[in-house]
Amino acid sequence: MTEPIAIRWWVPPLLALQFLTRIHVPGLDRLTPEQARHGLSRAVIWFPLVGALVGVITAAVLVGSAHIWPRAIAVIIALAIEARLTGAFHEDAVADFCDAFGGGHDVESTQRIMKDSRIGSYGALGLVLAVGLRAALLIALPQDFVIVALVASACFGRLMAVAVMVLVAPVAAKGQGLAKEVGGRTGWRDLLWASLIATPILGPFAYVQPEAVLGTFGAAAVFLWWFRGLLLRRLDGSSGDCLGFAVYAGQLFLLLAVLAVSGS
């Protein structure tokens, strides 16, 4: 049987780029819905690489802005550009997750709140704390580490999302978007490939800051154990917002570990 265009080797990485950012890739709109779904299921392994690219762009904006304004202002500008580049998907996910798990008390109420596009008090508080913490970490990090940590954390955060896809199935037939179309098809082999693709980015960082990487993976392992239990108990599966929350958590884990090791 002839393979459809969506599974040619160059299509999945481009689908990953277009899915995780607002960058439009010409030609992908000619794919049929089935080809796009199949290609996106193969694109999961490329998520860490797309994350690293987002980190590079954010870092470039941060470096350029820091030559004009104080570092705190440069960090805010860089994070604003990053949110525009990614469509603020992860920030929205943090708010929706905090709303659902803060205000919900059982599976039904948690699912209902998570589907509501409005942001409540839990969501607003969670978003402010998450973005504020990330900004504070980027401001506090030593100049020698902030750029490489920004790129590595963006890569690691997307790797965390792949791990959640493997550990927790999507919310049955009620799932939508990435969790339903891709999460149910993601397996341990995909996580292995995603880890291998992330290695050239995380490897040099691990060489420079091995203690930070060990701390990051340790925190991530504990988080994933807790997160899986929480999702199964309170949501009966995962959703796109849960994956976005995992991305943001992974970024914070790495930045916190770097700051702790650097002793700043």
C-alpha atoms as a PDB file:
ATOM      1  CA  MET A   1       0.000   0.000   0.000  1.00  0.00           C
ATOM      2  CA  THR A   2       1.335   3.434  -0.905  1.00  0.00           C
ATOM      3  CA  GLU A   3       2.028   5.585   2.126  1.00  0.00           C
ATOM      4  CA  PRO A   4      -0.011   8.787   2.316  1.00  0.00           C
ATOM      5  CA  ILE A   5       1.792  12.104   2.054  1.00  0.00           C
ATOM      6  CA  ALA A   6       1.207  12.827   5.752  1.00  0.00           C
ATOM      7  CA  ILE A   7       3.667  10.179   6.874  1.00  0.00           C
ATOM      8  CA  ARG A   8       6.580  11.251   4.686  1.00  0.00           C
ATOM      9  CA  TRP A   9       9.499  12.021   6.940  1.00  0.00           C
ATOM     10  CA  TRP A  10       9.389  15.793   6.498  1.00  0.00           C
ATOM     11  CA  VAL A  11       5.662  16.218   7.190  1.00  0.00           C
ATOM     12  CA  PRO A  12       5.489  15.312  10.933  1.00  0.00           C
ATOM     13  CA  PRO A  13       8.152  17.853  12.044  1.00  0.00           C
ATOM     14  CA  LEU A  14       6.399  20.590  10.079  1.00  0.00           C
ATOM     15  CA  LEU A  15       3.045  19.583  11.531  1.00  0.00           C
ATOM     16  CA  ALA A  16       4.558  19.757  15.012  1.00  0.00           C
ATOM     17  CA  LEU A  17       5.862  23.247  14.268  1.00  0.00           C
ATOM     18  CA  GLN A  18       2.525  24.476  12.931  1.00  0.00           C
ATOM     19  CA  PHE A  19       0.531  22.834  15.726  1.00  0.00           C
ATOM     20  CA  LEU A  20       2.618  24.170  18.620  1.00  0.00           C
ATOM     21  CA  THR A  21       3.130  27.674  17.210  1.00  0.00           C
ATOM     22  CA  ARG A  22       1.366  30.238  15.063  1.00  0.00           C
ATOM     23  CA  ILE A  23       3.903  29.698  12.286  1.00  0.00           C
ATOM     24  CA  HIS A  24       2.026  28.756   9.123  1.00  0.00           C
ATOM     25  CA  VAL A  25       3.756  26.137   6.994  1.00  0.00           C
ATOM     26  CA  PRO A  26       2.717  26.406   3.321  1.00  0.00           C
ATOM     27  CA  GLY A  27       1.402  23.187   1.810  1.00  0.00           C
ATOM     28  CA  LEU A  28       0.135  21.538   4.980  1.00  0.00           C
ATOM     29  CA  ASP A  29      -3.365  22.895   4.369  1.00  0.00           C
ATOM     30  CA  ARG A  30      -3.596  20.545   1.370  1.00  0.00           C
ATOM     31  CA  LEU A  31      -3.546  17.509   3.668  1.00  0.00           C
ATOM     32  CA  THR A  32      -6.831  15.731   4.193  1.00  0.00           C
ATOM     33  CA  PRO A  33      -8.170  15.599   7.773  1.00  0.00           C
ATOM     34  CA  GLU A  34      -7.170  11.937   8.039  1.00  0.00           C
ATOM     35  CA  GLN A  35      -3.686  12.642   6.707  1.00  0.00           C
ATOM     36  CA  ALA A  36      -3.303  15.529   9.145  1.00  0.00           C
ATOM     37  CA  ARG A  37      -4.391  13.392  12.113  1.00  0.00           C
ATOM     38  CA  HIS A  38      -2.071  10.571  11.122  1.00  0.00           C
ATOM     39  CA  GLY A  39       0.794  12.972  10.527  1.00  0.00           C
ATOM     40  CA  LEU A  40       0.214  14.708  13.859  1.00  0.00           C
ATOM     41  CA  SER A  41       0.363  11.386  15.683  1.00  0.00           C
ATOM     42  CA  ARG A  42       3.840  10.975  14.157  1.00  0.00           C
ATOM     43  CA  ALA A  43       4.707  14.592  14.993  1.00  0.00           C
ATOM     44  CA  VAL A  44       4.642  14.056  18.755  1.00  0.00           C
ATOM     45  CA  ILE A  45       8.261  12.938  18.854  1.00  0.00           C
ATOM     46  CA  TRP A  46       9.294  16.313  17.408  1.00  0.00           C
ATOM     47  CA  PHE A  47       7.622  18.374  20.136  1.00  0.00           C
ATOM     48  CA  PRO A  48      10.862  18.841  22.153  1.00  0.00           C
ATOM     49  CA  LEU A  49      12.656  20.154  19.067  1.00  0.00           C
ATOM     50  CA  VAL A  50       9.874  22.657  18.392  1.00  0.00           C
ATOM     51  CA  GLY A  51      10.080  23.665  22.037  1.00  0.00           C
ATOM     52  CA  ALA A  52      13.802  24.295  21.671  1.00  0.00           C
ATOM     53  CA  LEU A  53      13.113  26.470  18.614  1.00  0.00           C
ATOM     54  CA  VAL A  54      10.593  28.484  20.609  1.00  0.00           C
ATOM     55  CA  GLY A  55      13.203  28.820  23.345  1.00  0.00           C
ATOM     56  CA  VAL A  56      15.801  30.063  20.856  1.00  0.00           C
ATOM     57  CA  ILE A  57      13.438  32.726  19.532  1.00  0.00           C
ATOM     58  CA  THR A  58      12.465  33.801  23.047  1.00  0.00           C
ATOM     59  CA  ALA A  59      16.134  33.926  24.045  1.00  0.00           C
ATOM     60  CA  ALA A  60      17.003  36.021  20.986  1.00  0.00           C
ATOM     61  CA  VAL A  61      14.281  38.530  21.896  1.00  0.00           C
ATOM     62  CA  LEU A  62      15.521  38.581  25.487  1.00  0.00           C
ATOM     63  CA  VAL A  63      19.127  39.232  24.455  1.00  0.00           C
ATOM     64  CA  GLY A  64      18.140  41.935  21.982  1.00  0.00           C
ATOM     65  CA  SER A  65      15.800  43.661  24.412  1.00  0.00           C
ATOM     66  CA  ALA A  66      18.365  43.533  27.233  1.00  0.00           C
ATOM     67  CA  HIS A  67      20.661  45.769  25.152  1.00  0.00           C
ATOM     68  CA  ILE A  68      17.999  48.482  25.227  1.00  0.00           C
ATOM     69  CA  TRP A  69      16.045  48.082  28.461  1.00  0.00           C
ATOM     70  CA  PRO A  70      16.714  46.697  31.959  1.00  0.00           C
ATOM     71  CA  ARG A  71      16.641  42.921  32.232  1.00  0.00           C
ATOM     72  CA  ALA A  72      13.258  42.792  33.983  1.00  0.00           C
ATOM     73  CA  ILE A  73      11.651  44.702  31.099  1.00  0.00           C
ATOM     74  CA  ALA A  74      13.480  42.514  28.560  1.00  0.00           C
ATOM     75  CA  VAL A  75      12.120  39.350  30.214  1.00  0.00           C
ATOM     76  CA  ILE A  76       8.549  40.656  30.072  1.00  0.00           C
ATOM     77  CA  ILE A  77       8.945  41.549  26.398  1.00  0.00           C
ATOM     78  CA  ALA A  78      10.461  38.139  25.604  1.00  0.00           C
ATOM     79  CA  LEU A  79       7.654  36.264  27.356  1.00  0.00           C
ATOM     80  CA  ALA A  80       5.057  38.403  25.587  1.00  0.00           C
ATOM     81  CA  ILE A  81       6.595  37.597  22.191  1.00  0.00           C
ATOM     82  CA  GLU A  82       6.733  33.920  23.136  1.00  0.00           C
ATOM     83  CA  ALA A  83       3.037  33.967  24.085  1.00  0.00           C
ATOM     84  CA  ARG A  84       2.239  35.496  20.708  1.00  0.00           C
ATOM     85  CA  LEU A  85       4.404  32.926  18.936  1.00  0.00           C
ATOM     86  CA  THR A  86       2.698  29.987  20.643  1.00  0.00           C
ATOM     87  CA  GLY A  87      -0.792  31.458  20.712  1.00  0.00           C
ATOM     88  CA  ALA A  88      -0.575  31.572  24.540  1.00  0.00           C
ATOM     89  CA  PHE A  89      -1.659  27.911  24.480  1.00  0.00           C
ATOM     90  CA  HIS A  90       0.269  26.940  27.594  1.00  0.00           C
ATOM     91  CA  GLU A  91      -0.750  30.017  29.557  1.00  0.00           C
ATOM     92  CA  ASP A  92      -4.399  29.344  28.698  1.00  0.00           C
ATOM     93  CA  ALA A  93      -3.917  25.709  29.725  1.00  0.00           C
ATOM     94  CA  VAL A  94      -2.522  26.741  33.114  1.00  0.00           C
ATOM     95  CA  ALA A  95      -5.554  28.960  33.738  1.00  0.00           C
ATOM     96  CA  ASP A  96      -8.077  26.310  32.623  1.00  0.00           C
ATOM     97  CA  PHE A  97      -6.352  23.590  34.652  1.00  0.00           C
ATOM     98  CA  CYS A  98      -6.283  25.679  37.829  1.00  0.00           C
ATOM     99  CA  ASP A  99      -9.920  26.648  37.347  1.00  0.00           C
ATOM    100  CA  ALA A 100     -11.047  23.060  36.838  1.00  0.00           C
ATOM    101  CA  PHE A 101      -9.040  21.422  39.596  1.00  0.00           C
ATOM    102  CA  GLY A 102      -9.425  24.346  41.979  1.00  0.00           C
ATOM    103  CA  GLY A 103     -13.171  24.753  41.605  1.00  0.00           C
ATOM    104  CA  GLY A 104     -14.203  21.208  40.686  1.00  0.00           C
ATOM    105  CA  HIS A 105     -14.905  18.565  43.294  1.00  0.00           C
ATOM    106  CA  ASP A 106     -15.611  15.468  41.182  1.00  0.00           C
ATOM    107  CA  VAL A 107     -15.114  14.160  37.644  1.00  0.00           C
ATOM    108  CA  GLU A 108     -18.262  15.777  36.240  1.00  0.00           C
ATOM    109  CA  SER A 109     -17.672  19.239  37.677  1.00  0.00           C
ATOM    110  CA  THR A 110     -13.967  19.171  36.791  1.00  0.00           C
ATOM    111  CA  GLN A 111     -14.706  18.312  33.161  1.00  0.00           C
ATOM    112  CA  ARG A 112     -17.463  20.926  32.972  1.00  0.00           C
ATOM    113  CA  ILE A 113     -15.290  23.738  34.343  1.00  0.00           C
ATOM    114  CA  MET A 114     -12.344  22.797  32.126  1.00  0.00           C
ATOM    115  CA  LYS A 115     -14.529  23.083  29.013  1.00  0.00           C
ATOM    116  CA  ASP A 116     -15.650  26.582  30.039  1.00  0.00           C
ATOM    117  CA  SER A 117     -13.553  29.178  28.189  1.00  0.00           C
ATOM    118  CA  ARG A 118     -14.048  31.783  30.925  1.00  0.00           C
ATOM    119  CA  ILE A 119     -11.258  32.236  33.474  1.00  0.00           C
ATOM    120  CA  GLY A 120     -12.285  32.290  37.125  1.00  0.00           C
ATOM    121  CA  SER A 121     -10.455  33.258  40.280  1.00  0.00           C
ATOM    122  CA  TYR A 122      -8.456  30.013  40.491  1.00  0.00           C
ATOM    123  CA  GLY A 123      -7.422  30.338  36.859  1.00  0.00           C
ATOM    124  CA  ALA A 124      -6.417  33.980  37.192  1.00  0.00           C
ATOM    125  CA  LEU A 125      -4.421  33.278  40.338  1.00  0.00           C
ATOM    126  CA  GLY A 126      -2.715  30.231  38.836  1.00  0.00           C
ATOM    127  CA  LEU A 127      -1.818  32.101  35.651  1.00  0.00           C
ATOM    128  CA  VAL A 128      -0.387  35.093  37.499  1.00  0.00           C
ATOM    129  CA  LEU A 129       1.660  32.879  39.812  1.00  0.00           C
ATOM    130  CA  ALA A 130       2.980  30.628  37.012  1.00  0.00           C
ATOM    131  CA  VAL A 131       3.940  33.413  34.610  1.00  0.00           C
ATOM    132  CA  GLY A 132       5.210  35.583  37.448  1.00  0.00           C
ATOM    133  CA  LEU A 133       7.386  32.767  38.783  1.00  0.00           C
ATOM    134  CA  ARG A 134       8.831  32.066  35.350  1.00  0.00           C
ATOM    135  CA  ALA A 135       9.593  35.748  34.809  1.00  0.00           C
ATOM    136  CA  ALA A 136      11.179  36.030  38.267  1.00  0.00           C
ATOM    137  CA  LEU A 137      13.356  32.988  37.580  1.00  0.00           C
ATOM    138  CA  LEU A 138      14.585  34.393  34.267  1.00  0.00           C
ATOM    139  CA  ILE A 139      15.396  37.673  35.978  1.00  0.00           C
ATOM    140  CA  ALA A 140      17.191  35.981  38.896  1.00  0.00           C
ATOM    141  CA  LEU A 141      19.227  33.483  36.870  1.00  0.00           C
ATOM    142  CA  PRO A 142      22.896  34.310  36.286  1.00  0.00           C
ATOM    143  CA  GLN A 143      23.516  35.877  32.894  1.00  0.00           C
ATOM    144  CA  ASP A 144      25.746  32.953  31.898  1.00  0.00           C
ATOM    145  CA  PHE A 145      22.895  30.447  32.311  1.00  0.00           C
ATOM    146  CA  VAL A 146      19.713  32.289  31.422  1.00  0.00           C
ATOM    147  CA  ILE A 147      19.863  31.722  27.656  1.00  0.00           C
ATOM    148  CA  VAL A 148      20.784  28.038  27.695  1.00  0.00           C
ATOM    149  CA  ALA A 149      18.326  27.431  30.548  1.00  0.00           C
ATOM    150  CA  LEU A 150      15.551  29.113  28.593  1.00  0.00           C
ATOM    151  CA  VAL A 151      16.136  26.897  25.558  1.00  0.00           C
ATOM    152  CA  ALA A 152      16.588  23.710  27.602  1.00  0.00           C
ATOM    153  CA  SER A 153      13.476  24.364  29.700  1.00  0.00           C
ATOM    154  CA  ALA A 154      11.340  24.966  26.610  1.00  0.00           C
ATOM    155  CA  CYS A 155      12.560  21.657  25.197  1.00  0.00           C
ATOM    156  CA  PHE A 156      12.069  19.758  28.458  1.00  0.00           C
ATOM    157  CA  GLY A 157       8.570  21.141  28.942  1.00  0.00           C
ATOM    158  CA  ARG A 158       7.396  19.681  25.630  1.00  0.00           C
ATOM    159  CA  LEU A 159       9.035  16.371  26.532  1.00  0.00           C
ATOM    160  CA  MET A 160       6.946  16.385  29.712  1.00  0.00           C
ATOM    161  CA  ALA A 161       3.793  16.693  27.620  1.00  0.00           C
ATOM    162  CA  VAL A 162       4.771  13.599  25.624  1.00  0.00           C
ATOM    163  CA  ALA A 163       5.308  11.703  28.875  1.00  0.00           C
ATOM    164  CA  VAL A 164       1.814  12.647  30.067  1.00  0.00           C
ATOM    165  CA  MET A 165       0.356  11.416  26.753  1.00  0.00           C
ATOM    166  CA  VAL A 166       1.975   8.036  27.381  1.00  0.00           C
ATOM    167  CA  LEU A 167       0.992   7.776  31.041  1.00  0.00           C
ATOM    168  CA  VAL A 168      -2.618   8.994  30.854  1.00  0.00           C
ATOM    169  CA  ALA A 169      -5.144   8.221  28.119  1.00  0.00           C
ATOM    170  CA  PRO A 170      -7.390  11.019  26.844  1.00  0.00           C
ATOM    171  CA  VAL A 171     -10.791  11.593  28.420  1.00  0.00           C
ATOM    172  CA  ALA A 172     -12.653   8.881  26.485  1.00  0.00           C
ATOM    173  CA  ALA A 173     -14.969  10.140  23.749  1.00  0.00           C
ATOM    174  CA  LYS A 174     -15.264  13.542  25.442  1.00  0.00           C
ATOM    175  CA  GLY A 175     -11.667  14.425  24.678  1.00  0.00           C
ATOM    176  CA  GLN A 176     -10.919  16.938  21.986  1.00  0.00           C
ATOM    177  CA  GLY A 177      -7.904  18.330  20.185  1.00  0.00           C
ATOM    178  CA  LEU A 178      -4.456  16.967  20.881  1.00  0.00           C
ATOM    179  CA  ALA A 179      -5.473  14.740  23.785  1.00  0.00           C
ATOM    180  CA  LYS A 180      -8.044  12.846  21.738  1.00  0.00           C
ATOM    181  CA  GLU A 181      -6.481  12.818  18.266  1.00  0.00           C
ATOM    182  CA  VAL A 182      -2.893  12.183  19.313  1.00  0.00           C
ATOM    183  CA  GLY A 183      -2.753  11.202  22.984  1.00  0.00           C
ATOM    184  CA  GLY A 184      -4.489   7.880  22.443  1.00  0.00           C
ATOM    185  CA  ARG A 185      -1.948   6.906  19.772  1.00  0.00           C
ATOM    186  CA  THR A 186       1.174   7.869  21.711  1.00  0.00           C
ATOM    187  CA  GLY A 187       3.211   5.049  23.221  1.00  0.00           C
ATOM    188  CA  TRP A 188       6.484   4.377  24.981  1.00  0.00           C
ATOM    189  CA  ARG A 189       8.344   4.181  21.677  1.00  0.00           C
ATOM    190  CA  ASP A 190       7.252   7.742  20.910  1.00  0.00           C
ATOM    191  CA  LEU A 191       8.538   8.898  24.281  1.00  0.00           C
ATOM    192  CA  LEU A 192      11.845   7.176  23.591  1.00  0.00           C
ATOM    193  CA  TRP A 193      12.180   8.873  20.212  1.00  0.00           C
ATOM    194  CA  ALA A 194      11.197  12.239  21.697  1.00  0.00           C
ATOM    195  CA  SER A 195      13.861  11.757  24.376  1.00  0.00           C
ATOM    196  CA  LEU A 196      16.487  10.932  21.746  1.00  0.00           C
ATOM    197  CA  ILE A 197      15.563  14.027  19.741  1.00  0.00           C
ATOM    198  CA  ALA A 198      15.784  16.119  22.914  1.00  0.00           C
ATOM    199  CA  THR A 199      19.205  14.699  23.822  1.00  0.00           C
ATOM    200  CA  PRO A 200      21.292  17.044  21.592  1.00  0.00           C
ATOM    201  CA  ILE A 201      19.613  19.984  23.345  1.00  0.00           C
ATOM    202  CA  LEU A 202      19.530  18.685  26.909  1.00  0.00           C
ATOM    203  CA  GLY A 203      22.829  16.787  26.660  1.00  0.00           C
ATOM    204  CA  PRO A 204      25.172  19.814  26.540  1.00  0.00           C
ATOM    205  CA  PHE A 205      23.113  21.453  29.268  1.00  0.00           C
ATOM    206  CA  ALA A 206      23.484  18.323  31.415  1.00  0.00           C
ATOM    207  CA  TYR A 207      27.252  18.474  30.879  1.00  0.00           C
ATOM    208  CA  VAL A 208      27.384  22.071  32.125  1.00  0.00           C
ATOM    209  CA  GLN A 209      24.858  21.689  34.949  1.00  0.00           C
ATOM    210  CA  PRO A 210      24.534  17.969  35.829  1.00  0.00           C
ATOM    211  CA  GLU A 211      23.102  18.672  39.294  1.00  0.00           C
ATOM    212  CA  ALA A 212      20.361  20.837  37.828  1.00  0.00           C
ATOM    213  CA  VAL A 213      19.404  18.169  35.300  1.00  0.00           C
ATOM    214  CA  LEU A 214      19.295  15.462  37.977  1.00  0.00           C
ATOM    215  CA  GLY A 215      17.137  17.685  40.133  1.00  0.00           C
ATOM    216  CA  THR A 216      14.860  18.451  37.194  1.00  0.00           C
ATOM    217  CA  PHE A 217      14.329  14.809  36.285  1.00  0.00           C
ATOM    218  CA  GLY A 218      13.771  13.912  39.926  1.00  0.00           C
ATOM    219  CA  ALA A 219      11.133  16.620  40.337  1.00  0.00           C
ATOM    220  CA  ALA A 220       9.558  15.641  37.016  1.00  0.00           C
ATOM    221  CA  ALA A 221       9.318  11.976  38.051  1.00  0.00           C
ATOM    222  CA  VAL A 222       7.564  12.856  41.311  1.00  0.00           C
ATOM    223  CA  PHE A 223       5.284  15.302  39.498  1.00  0.00           C
ATOM    224  CA  LEU A 224       4.314  12.768  36.829  1.00  0.00           C
ATOM    225  CA  TRP A 225       3.501  10.157  39.478  1.00  0.00           C
ATOM    226  CA  TRP A 226       1.283  12.655  41.328  1.00  0.00           C
ATOM    227  CA  PHE A 227      -0.147  14.174  38.144  1.00  0.00           C
ATOM    228  CA  ARG A 228      -1.208  10.816  36.707  1.00  0.00           C
ATOM    229  CA  GLY A 229      -3.073   9.920  39.877  1.00  0.00           C
ATOM    230  CA  LEU A 230      -4.744  13.328  39.989  1.00  0.00           C
ATOM    231  CA  LEU A 231      -5.909  13.170  36.363  1.00  0.00           C
ATOM    232  CA  LEU A 232      -7.291   9.670  36.692  1.00  0.00           C
ATOM    233  CA  ARG A 233      -9.055  10.501  39.940  1.00  0.00           C
ATOM    234  CA  ARG A 234     -10.447  13.926  39.091  1.00  0.00           C
ATOM    235  CA  LEU A 235     -10.761  13.937  35.295  1.00  0.00           C
ATOM    236  CA  ASP A 236     -10.808  10.258  34.329  1.00  0.00           C
ATOM    237  CA  GLY A 237      -8.075  10.928  31.761  1.00  0.00           C
ATOM    238  CA  SER A 238      -6.091  13.762  30.214  1.00  0.00           C
ATOM    239  CA  SER A 239      -6.961  16.746  28.038  1.00  0.00           C
ATOM    240  CA  GLY A 240      -5.131  19.355  25.999  1.00  0.00           C
ATOM    241  CA  ASP A 241      -5.159  21.723  28.978  1.00  0.00           C
ATOM    242  CA  CYS A 242      -3.508  19.062  31.128  1.00  0.00           C
ATOM    243  CA  LEU A 243      -0.755  18.675  28.549  1.00  0.00           C
ATOM    244  CA  GLY A 244      -0.240  22.439  28.409  1.00  0.00           C
ATOM    245  CA  PHE A 245      -0.039  22.574  32.195  1.00  0.00           C
ATOM    246  CA  ALA A 246       2.609  19.831  32.114  1.00  0.00           C
ATOM    247  CA  VAL A 247       4.644  21.862  29.610  1.00  0.00           C
ATOM    248  CA  TYR A 248       4.658  24.875  31.891  1.00  0.00           C
ATOM    249  CA  ALA A 249       5.454  22.764  34.943  1.00  0.00           C
ATOM    250  CA  GLY A 250       8.424  21.178  33.165  1.00  0.00           C
ATOM    251  CA  GLN A 251       9.822  24.586  32.265  1.00  0.00           C
ATOM    252  CA  LEU A 252       9.524  25.784  35.848  1.00  0.00           C
ATOM    253  CA  PHE A 253      11.179  22.631  37.233  1.00  0.00           C
ATOM    254  CA  LEU A 254      14.287  23.142  35.118  1.00  0.00           C
ATOM    255  CA  LEU A 255      14.559  26.872  35.817  1.00  0.00           C
ATOM    256  CA  LEU A 256      14.099  26.312  39.551  1.00  0.00           C
ATOM    257  CA  ALA A 257      16.772  23.611  39.523  1.00  0.00           C
ATOM    258  CA  VAL A 258      19.247  25.852  37.693  1.00  0.00           C
ATOM    259  CA  LEU A 259      18.689  28.690  40.121  1.00  0.00           C
ATOM    260  CA  ALA A 260      19.063  26.373  43.110  1.00  0.00           C
ATOM    261  CA  VAL A 261      22.347  24.960  41.806  1.00  0.00           C
ATOM    262  CA  SER A 262      23.748  28.339  40.821  1.00  0.00           C
ATOM    263  CA  GLY A 263      23.192  29.562  44.379  1.00  0.00           C
ATOM    264  CA  SER A 264      21.804  32.916  43.300  1.00  0.00           C
END
